[in-house]
Amino acid sequence: MKGWRTSDDPYRAERERMVEQQIITRGITHPRVIEAMRKVPRHLFVPEPYRVQAYADMPLPIGYGQTISQPFMVAAMTANLDPQETDRVLEIGTGSGYQTAILAELVQEVWTIEVIPELQERAREVLEELGYTNIRYRVGDGSKGWPEGAPYDKILVAAASPSIPPPLVEQLKVGGIMVLPVGDRWGQDLVKVTKVSETEAEHQVLFPCAFVPLKGAYGFPEEPF
C-alpha cells in the first residue's frame, strides 16, 4: 500500500491482538491471509464514531443499513477462497471496502460491485488513498455478477442470498471457488461452492453466519432502510 506505513499506525498493537486472538486462535492458518489481516488498516474503513471499536470482535455499522463484517468472518471467507497471486476475483458487496483491500493484497485483480453508490464512493476514496491500483469498481446489481470480467477464478459474496445466484456460478471458472452466505434474512450458512465442470458445482456448508441481505434480481425483495 503506497503512502501507508504501519510503523506510524497508533492502532498497530490492536490490529496484532485482533489477528492473534480473533483469527489465529479460531483456526485460520492461511499464512498470506493472516499477513494481509495484519497489514490492512481496518480502522480507516470504519466510520469515525465507531473507530475506537474497529478491531473489536464484531461487525460494525457503516450506514445505509450495511455493516463491516467481523474480522474473523473476513479472514474465514478469504481463507476459504484460497486466494492466489494470479487470481481475478469478483466481490459482491464493496461495503466499507475493507474486504476489498484484503483481497487486493492477495490477488492480481479485484472486480467489486456495490448497489449503494454512496458506500462505494466512500470505499473507493479510502482504497485509492491507500494506493491500491488493482481494483475495478461498479455500482449495480451484484446478484447478476459482472459478465465483462468473467470467468473469475474466485467469487466472494458479502451479503446473504436466499439461494446461490445462477449468474455467479456461470461466471466462475471451472475449478474456481465461490464463498457466500445462503439462507433467510435472519440467519444463513456460509457455503463454499467449487465449480467442477461447466454444468456441475459441489457445495460445502462451512458454518452458520448472519449477513445483511443481498439486493437485486437474485437477492431478497427491497425493504426500506
C-alpha atoms as a PDB file:
ATOM      1  CA  MET A   1       0.000   0.000   0.000  1.00  0.00           C
ATOM      2  CA  LYS A   2       1.547   3.245  -1.110  1.00  0.00           C
ATOM      3  CA  GLY A   3       1.596   6.048   1.411  1.00  0.00           C
ATOM      4  CA  TRP A   4       0.775   3.760   4.347  1.00  0.00           C
ATOM      5  CA  ARG A   5       3.385   2.855   6.945  1.00  0.00           C
ATOM      6  CA  THR A   6       2.348   0.516   9.734  1.00  0.00           C
ATOM      7  CA  SER A   7       5.147   1.936  11.901  1.00  0.00           C
ATOM      8  CA  ASP A   8       3.195   5.213  12.095  1.00  0.00           C
ATOM      9  CA  ASP A   9      -0.077   3.496  12.992  1.00  0.00           C
ATOM     10  CA  PRO A  10      -1.432   4.044  16.518  1.00  0.00           C
ATOM     11  CA  TYR A  11      -3.704   1.009  16.002  1.00  0.00           C
ATOM     12  CA  ARG A  12      -0.859  -1.356  15.153  1.00  0.00           C
ATOM     13  CA  ALA A  13      -0.901  -3.164  18.517  1.00  0.00           C
ATOM     14  CA  GLU A  14      -4.693  -3.508  18.408  1.00  0.00           C
ATOM     15  CA  ARG A  15      -4.520  -4.986  14.940  1.00  0.00           C
ATOM     16  CA  GLU A  16      -1.904  -7.510  16.065  1.00  0.00           C
ATOM     17  CA  ARG A  17      -4.090  -8.529  19.026  1.00  0.00           C
ATOM     18  CA  MET A  18      -7.043  -8.880  16.651  1.00  0.00           C
ATOM     19  CA  VAL A  19      -5.091 -11.300  14.477  1.00  0.00           C
ATOM     20  CA  GLU A  20      -3.713 -13.332  17.379  1.00  0.00           C
ATOM     21  CA  GLN A  21      -6.880 -13.530  19.486  1.00  0.00           C
ATOM     22  CA  GLN A  22      -9.694 -13.496  16.935  1.00  0.00           C
ATOM     23  CA  ILE A  23      -8.221 -15.181  13.873  1.00  0.00           C
ATOM     24  CA  ILE A  24      -5.293 -17.492  14.601  1.00  0.00           C
ATOM     25  CA  THR A  25      -6.870 -18.947  17.760  1.00  0.00           C
ATOM     26  CA  ARG A  26     -10.013 -19.783  15.757  1.00  0.00           C
ATOM     27  CA  GLY A  27      -8.130 -21.930  13.320  1.00  0.00           C
ATOM     28  CA  ILE A  28      -7.276 -19.638  10.403  1.00  0.00           C
ATOM     29  CA  THR A  29      -3.905 -20.922   9.184  1.00  0.00           C
ATOM     30  CA  HIS A  30      -3.571 -19.473   5.657  1.00  0.00           C
ATOM     31  CA  PRO A  31      -0.283 -17.548   6.003  1.00  0.00           C
ATOM     32  CA  ARG A  32      -0.956 -14.954   3.288  1.00  0.00           C
ATOM     33  CA  VAL A  33      -4.418 -14.192   4.648  1.00  0.00           C
ATOM     34  CA  ILE A  34      -3.008 -13.754   8.164  1.00  0.00           C
ATOM     35  CA  GLU A  35      -0.334 -11.392   6.825  1.00  0.00           C
ATOM     36  CA  ALA A  36      -2.933  -9.326   4.956  1.00  0.00           C
ATOM     37  CA  MET A  37      -5.068  -9.057   8.089  1.00  0.00           C
ATOM     38  CA  ARG A  38      -2.004  -7.836   9.989  1.00  0.00           C
ATOM     39  CA  LYS A  39      -1.259  -5.241   7.320  1.00  0.00           C
ATOM     40  CA  VAL A  40      -4.548  -3.620   6.234  1.00  0.00           C
ATOM     41  CA  PRO A  41      -5.621  -0.693   8.492  1.00  0.00           C
ATOM     42  CA  ARG A  42      -9.183  -1.757   9.293  1.00  0.00           C
ATOM     43  CA  HIS A  43      -9.877   1.419  11.283  1.00  0.00           C
ATOM     44  CA  LEU A  44      -9.675   3.548   8.122  1.00  0.00           C
ATOM     45  CA  PHE A  45     -12.704   1.697   6.732  1.00  0.00           C
ATOM     46  CA  VAL A  46     -14.820   2.245   9.853  1.00  0.00           C
ATOM     47  CA  PRO A  47     -16.906   5.445  10.263  1.00  0.00           C
ATOM     48  CA  GLU A  48     -15.351   7.850  12.766  1.00  0.00           C
ATOM     49  CA  PRO A  49     -17.956   7.323  15.543  1.00  0.00           C
ATOM     50  CA  TYR A  50     -17.104   3.594  15.641  1.00  0.00           C
ATOM     51  CA  ARG A  51     -13.354   3.791  15.014  1.00  0.00           C
ATOM     52  CA  VAL A  52     -12.447   3.028  18.605  1.00  0.00           C
ATOM     53  CA  GLN A  53     -14.149  -0.362  18.073  1.00  0.00           C
ATOM     54  CA  ALA A  54     -12.524  -1.048  14.702  1.00  0.00           C
ATOM     55  CA  TYR A  55     -10.567  -4.081  15.939  1.00  0.00           C
ATOM     56  CA  ALA A  56     -13.292  -5.485  18.192  1.00  0.00           C
ATOM     57  CA  ASP A  57     -14.710  -8.967  17.625  1.00  0.00           C
ATOM     58  CA  MET A  58     -17.935  -7.780  15.987  1.00  0.00           C
ATOM     59  CA  PRO A  59     -19.450  -6.274  12.836  1.00  0.00           C
ATOM     60  CA  LEU A  60     -19.968  -2.506  12.883  1.00  0.00           C
ATOM     61  CA  PRO A  61     -22.472  -0.232  11.106  1.00  0.00           C
ATOM     62  CA  ILE A  62     -21.245   1.728   8.100  1.00  0.00           C
ATOM     63  CA  GLY A  63     -24.519   3.432   7.163  1.00  0.00           C
ATOM     64  CA  TYR A  64     -27.414   2.655   4.793  1.00  0.00           C
ATOM     65  CA  GLY A  65     -28.307  -0.442   6.799  1.00  0.00           C
ATOM     66  CA  GLN A  66     -24.974  -2.101   5.989  1.00  0.00           C
ATOM     67  CA  THR A  67     -22.079  -3.351   8.127  1.00  0.00           C
ATOM     68  CA  ILE A  68     -18.356  -4.028   8.014  1.00  0.00           C
ATOM     69  CA  SER A  69     -18.031  -7.722   8.786  1.00  0.00           C
ATOM     70  CA  GLN A  70     -16.469  -9.147  11.936  1.00  0.00           C
ATOM     71  CA  PRO A  71     -12.681  -9.569  11.389  1.00  0.00           C
ATOM     72  CA  PHE A  72     -12.874 -13.365  11.784  1.00  0.00           C
ATOM     73  CA  MET A  73     -15.578 -13.555   9.118  1.00  0.00           C
ATOM     74  CA  VAL A  74     -13.425 -11.596   6.666  1.00  0.00           C
ATOM     75  CA  ALA A  75     -10.457 -13.864   7.355  1.00  0.00           C
ATOM     76  CA  ALA A  76     -12.506 -17.071   7.154  1.00  0.00           C
ATOM     77  CA  MET A  77     -14.209 -16.155   3.885  1.00  0.00           C
ATOM     78  CA  THR A  78     -10.899 -15.110   2.346  1.00  0.00           C
ATOM     79  CA  ALA A  79      -9.031 -18.196   3.532  1.00  0.00           C
ATOM     80  CA  ASN A  80     -11.718 -20.487   2.109  1.00  0.00           C
ATOM     81  CA  LEU A  81     -11.230 -18.836  -1.281  1.00  0.00           C
ATOM     82  CA  ASP A  82      -7.544 -19.869  -1.111  1.00  0.00           C
ATOM     83  CA  PRO A  83      -6.511 -16.686  -2.976  1.00  0.00           C
ATOM     84  CA  GLN A  84      -3.591 -16.944  -5.396  1.00  0.00           C
ATOM     85  CA  GLU A  85      -1.428 -14.093  -6.684  1.00  0.00           C
ATOM     86  CA  THR A  86      -2.648 -14.632 -10.257  1.00  0.00           C
ATOM     87  CA  ASP A  87      -6.372 -14.750  -9.414  1.00  0.00           C
ATOM     88  CA  ARG A  88      -9.052 -12.449 -10.778  1.00  0.00           C
ATOM     89  CA  VAL A  89     -11.690 -12.156  -8.042  1.00  0.00           C
ATOM     90  CA  LEU A  90     -15.254 -10.865  -8.220  1.00  0.00           C
ATOM     91  CA  GLU A  91     -16.508  -9.316  -4.975  1.00  0.00           C
ATOM     92  CA  ILE A  92     -20.229  -8.771  -4.499  1.00  0.00           C
ATOM     93  CA  GLY A  93     -20.788  -6.020  -1.945  1.00  0.00           C
ATOM     94  CA  THR A  94     -17.951  -3.493  -1.711  1.00  0.00           C
ATOM     95  CA  GLY A  95     -19.436  -2.134   1.506  1.00  0.00           C
ATOM     96  CA  SER A  96     -16.766  -0.408   3.581  1.00  0.00           C
ATOM     97  CA  GLY A  97     -14.004  -1.569   1.228  1.00  0.00           C
ATOM     98  CA  TYR A  98     -12.155  -3.498   3.945  1.00  0.00           C
ATOM     99  CA  GLN A  99     -12.740  -6.932   2.436  1.00  0.00           C
ATOM    100  CA  THR A 100     -11.821  -5.424  -0.935  1.00  0.00           C
ATOM    101  CA  ALA A 101      -8.479  -4.292   0.471  1.00  0.00           C
ATOM    102  CA  ILE A 102      -7.732  -7.719   1.938  1.00  0.00           C
ATOM    103  CA  LEU A 103      -8.413  -9.320  -1.440  1.00  0.00           C
ATOM    104  CA  ALA A 104      -6.377  -6.679  -3.281  1.00  0.00           C
ATOM    105  CA  GLU A 105      -3.386  -7.556  -1.106  1.00  0.00           C
ATOM    106  CA  LEU A 106      -3.608 -11.184  -2.170  1.00  0.00           C
ATOM    107  CA  VAL A 107      -4.678 -11.399  -5.825  1.00  0.00           C
ATOM    108  CA  GLN A 108      -3.950  -9.888  -9.215  1.00  0.00           C
ATOM    109  CA  GLU A 109      -7.310  -8.155  -9.759  1.00  0.00           C
ATOM    110  CA  VAL A 110     -10.449  -7.448  -7.765  1.00  0.00           C
ATOM    111  CA  TRP A 111     -13.681  -6.577  -9.566  1.00  0.00           C
ATOM    112  CA  THR A 112     -16.027  -5.187  -6.914  1.00  0.00           C
ATOM    113  CA  ILE A 113     -19.727  -4.306  -7.188  1.00  0.00           C
ATOM    114  CA  GLU A 114     -21.821  -2.296  -4.731  1.00  0.00           C
ATOM    115  CA  VAL A 115     -25.524  -1.491  -5.051  1.00  0.00           C
ATOM    116  CA  ILE A 116     -25.343   1.663  -2.865  1.00  0.00           C
ATOM    117  CA  PRO A 117     -23.415   4.387  -4.731  1.00  0.00           C
ATOM    118  CA  GLU A 118     -22.511   6.396  -1.634  1.00  0.00           C
ATOM    119  CA  LEU A 119     -20.887   3.387   0.023  1.00  0.00           C
ATOM    120  CA  GLN A 120     -18.767   2.556  -2.980  1.00  0.00           C
ATOM    121  CA  GLU A 121     -17.690   6.166  -3.396  1.00  0.00           C
ATOM    122  CA  ARG A 122     -16.519   6.295   0.231  1.00  0.00           C
ATOM    123  CA  ALA A 123     -14.770   2.928  -0.035  1.00  0.00           C
ATOM    124  CA  ARG A 124     -13.075   3.872  -3.277  1.00  0.00           C
ATOM    125  CA  GLU A 125     -11.686   7.060  -1.732  1.00  0.00           C
ATOM    126  CA  VAL A 126     -10.055   5.081   1.079  1.00  0.00           C
ATOM    127  CA  LEU A 127      -8.757   2.340  -1.215  1.00  0.00           C
ATOM    128  CA  GLU A 128      -7.241   4.828  -3.664  1.00  0.00           C
ATOM    129  CA  GLU A 129      -5.704   6.833  -0.820  1.00  0.00           C
ATOM    130  CA  LEU A 130      -4.031   3.622   0.338  1.00  0.00           C
ATOM    131  CA  GLY A 131      -2.609   3.169  -3.159  1.00  0.00           C
ATOM    132  CA  TYR A 132      -4.485   0.142  -4.480  1.00  0.00           C
ATOM    133  CA  THR A 133      -4.426   0.089  -8.279  1.00  0.00           C
ATOM    134  CA  ASN A 134      -5.637  -3.475  -8.952  1.00  0.00           C
ATOM    135  CA  ILE A 135      -9.332  -2.845  -8.225  1.00  0.00           C
ATOM    136  CA  ARG A 136     -12.169  -2.203 -10.682  1.00  0.00           C
ATOM    137  CA  TYR A 137     -15.398  -0.674  -9.407  1.00  0.00           C
ATOM    138  CA  ARG A 138     -19.023  -0.859 -10.464  1.00  0.00           C
ATOM    139  CA  VAL A 139     -22.311   0.318  -8.948  1.00  0.00           C
ATOM    140  CA  GLY A 140     -25.171  -2.051  -9.718  1.00  0.00           C
ATOM    141  CA  ASP A 141     -26.935  -5.349  -9.079  1.00  0.00           C
ATOM    142  CA  GLY A 142     -24.236  -7.653  -7.776  1.00  0.00           C
ATOM    143  CA  SER A 143     -26.533 -10.684  -7.850  1.00  0.00           C
ATOM    144  CA  LYS A 144     -26.145 -10.631 -11.652  1.00  0.00           C
ATOM    145  CA  GLY A 145     -22.362 -10.548 -11.417  1.00  0.00           C
ATOM    146  CA  TRP A 146     -20.097  -8.661 -13.813  1.00  0.00           C
ATOM    147  CA  PRO A 147     -20.060 -10.576 -17.120  1.00  0.00           C
ATOM    148  CA  GLU A 148     -17.402  -8.411 -18.754  1.00  0.00           C
ATOM    149  CA  GLY A 149     -14.731  -9.743 -16.404  1.00  0.00           C
ATOM    150  CA  ALA A 150     -15.788 -13.381 -16.465  1.00  0.00           C
ATOM    151  CA  PRO A 151     -14.725 -16.043 -15.985  1.00  0.00           C
ATOM    152  CA  TYR A 152     -13.405 -15.384 -12.466  1.00  0.00           C
ATOM    153  CA  ASP A 153     -11.033 -17.583 -10.511  1.00  0.00           C
ATOM    154  CA  LYS A 154     -12.833 -16.778  -7.274  1.00  0.00           C
ATOM    155  CA  ILE A 155     -16.065 -15.027  -6.206  1.00  0.00           C
ATOM    156  CA  LEU A 156     -16.828 -13.660  -2.736  1.00  0.00           C
ATOM    157  CA  VAL A 157     -20.364 -12.569  -1.853  1.00  0.00           C
ATOM    158  CA  ALA A 158     -20.587 -10.365   1.249  1.00  0.00           C
ATOM    159  CA  ALA A 159     -24.394 -10.386   1.535  1.00  0.00           C
ATOM    160  CA  ALA A 160     -26.944 -13.103   2.292  1.00  0.00           C
ATOM    161  CA  SER A 161     -28.698 -14.747  -0.638  1.00  0.00           C
ATOM    162  CA  PRO A 162     -31.841 -16.909  -0.479  1.00  0.00           C
ATOM    163  CA  SER A 163     -30.122 -19.287  -2.916  1.00  0.00           C
ATOM    164  CA  ILE A 164     -26.946 -19.399  -4.978  1.00  0.00           C
ATOM    165  CA  PRO A 165     -27.384 -16.893  -7.848  1.00  0.00           C
ATOM    166  CA  PRO A 166     -27.064 -18.794 -11.168  1.00  0.00           C
ATOM    167  CA  PRO A 167     -25.237 -15.926 -12.956  1.00  0.00           C
ATOM    168  CA  LEU A 168     -22.446 -16.097 -10.383  1.00  0.00           C
ATOM    169  CA  VAL A 169     -21.966 -19.828 -10.922  1.00  0.00           C
ATOM    170  CA  GLU A 170     -21.925 -19.215 -14.677  1.00  0.00           C
ATOM    171  CA  GLN A 171     -19.239 -16.527 -14.276  1.00  0.00           C
ATOM    172  CA  LEU A 172     -16.968 -18.769 -12.182  1.00  0.00           C
ATOM    173  CA  LYS A 173     -14.153 -20.659 -13.891  1.00  0.00           C
ATOM    174  CA  VAL A 174     -14.163 -24.437 -13.886  1.00  0.00           C
ATOM    175  CA  GLY A 175     -12.077 -25.260 -10.847  1.00  0.00           C
ATOM    176  CA  GLY A 176     -12.942 -21.901  -9.301  1.00  0.00           C
ATOM    177  CA  ILE A 177     -14.304 -21.262  -5.801  1.00  0.00           C
ATOM    178  CA  MET A 178     -17.147 -19.063  -4.565  1.00  0.00           C
ATOM    179  CA  VAL A 179     -17.894 -18.331  -0.902  1.00  0.00           C
ATOM    180  CA  LEU A 180     -21.246 -16.847   0.097  1.00  0.00           C
ATOM    181  CA  PRO A 181     -23.871 -16.840   2.874  1.00  0.00           C
ATOM    182  CA  VAL A 182     -27.077 -18.666   1.904  1.00  0.00           C
ATOM    183  CA  GLY A 183     -30.305 -18.744   3.917  1.00  0.00           C
ATOM    184  CA  ASP A 184     -33.056 -16.396   5.040  1.00  0.00           C
ATOM    185  CA  ARG A 185     -32.922 -12.813   6.284  1.00  0.00           C
ATOM    186  CA  TRP A 186     -32.260 -13.801   9.898  1.00  0.00           C
ATOM    187  CA  GLY A 187     -29.608 -16.461   9.579  1.00  0.00           C
ATOM    188  CA  GLN A 188     -27.552 -18.263   6.977  1.00  0.00           C
ATOM    189  CA  ASP A 189     -24.866 -20.850   6.409  1.00  0.00           C
ATOM    190  CA  LEU A 190     -21.580 -19.860   4.856  1.00  0.00           C
ATOM    191  CA  VAL A 191     -21.274 -22.049   1.759  1.00  0.00           C
ATOM    192  CA  LYS A 192     -18.224 -22.883  -0.331  1.00  0.00           C
ATOM    193  CA  VAL A 193     -19.035 -23.626  -3.971  1.00  0.00           C
ATOM    194  CA  THR A 194     -16.440 -25.367  -6.148  1.00  0.00           C
ATOM    195  CA  LYS A 195     -17.221 -25.482  -9.857  1.00  0.00           C
ATOM    196  CA  VAL A 196     -16.125 -28.921 -11.040  1.00  0.00           C
ATOM    197  CA  SER A 197     -17.409 -28.686 -14.629  1.00  0.00           C
ATOM    198  CA  GLU A 198     -19.391 -26.329 -16.839  1.00  0.00           C
ATOM    199  CA  THR A 199     -22.608 -27.923 -15.594  1.00  0.00           C
ATOM    200  CA  GLU A 200     -21.774 -29.103 -12.064  1.00  0.00           C
ATOM    201  CA  ALA A 201     -20.720 -27.498  -8.791  1.00  0.00           C
ATOM    202  CA  GLU A 202     -20.010 -29.010  -5.374  1.00  0.00           C
ATOM    203  CA  HIS A 203     -21.354 -27.294  -2.239  1.00  0.00           C
ATOM    204  CA  GLN A 204     -19.787 -27.421   1.227  1.00  0.00           C
ATOM    205  CA  VAL A 205     -21.506 -25.864   4.260  1.00  0.00           C
ATOM    206  CA  LEU A 206     -18.837 -24.242   6.433  1.00  0.00           C
ATOM    207  CA  PHE A 207     -20.595 -22.730   9.479  1.00  0.00           C
ATOM    208  CA  PRO A 208     -23.605 -20.582  10.477  1.00  0.00           C
ATOM    209  CA  CYS A 209     -23.420 -16.838   9.915  1.00  0.00           C
ATOM    210  CA  ALA A 210     -25.548 -13.702   9.707  1.00  0.00           C
ATOM    211  CA  PHE A 211     -25.199 -11.143   6.908  1.00  0.00           C
ATOM    212  CA  VAL A 212     -27.248  -8.248   5.610  1.00  0.00           C
ATOM    213  CA  PRO A 213     -29.487  -9.320   2.694  1.00  0.00           C
ATOM    214  CA  LEU A 214     -28.314  -9.306  -0.909  1.00  0.00           C
ATOM    215  CA  LYS A 215     -30.277  -6.843  -3.027  1.00  0.00           C
ATOM    216  CA  GLY A 216     -31.092  -7.418  -6.667  1.00  0.00           C
ATOM    217  CA  ALA A 217     -32.707  -9.837  -9.087  1.00  0.00           C
ATOM    218  CA  TYR A 218     -31.407 -12.937  -7.261  1.00  0.00           C
ATOM    219  CA  GLY A 219     -31.434 -11.447  -3.770  1.00  0.00           C
ATOM    220  CA  PHE A 220     -34.190 -10.509  -1.345  1.00  0.00           C
ATOM    221  CA  PRO A 221     -37.021  -8.092  -2.194  1.00  0.00           C
ATOM    222  CA  GLU A 222     -36.246  -4.464  -1.422  1.00  0.00           C
ATOM    223  CA  GLU A 223     -37.094  -3.102   2.014  1.00  0.00           C
ATOM    224  CA  PRO A 224     -36.684   0.483   3.242  1.00  0.00           C
ATOM    225  CA  PHE A 225     -33.555   1.204   5.296  1.00  0.00           C
END
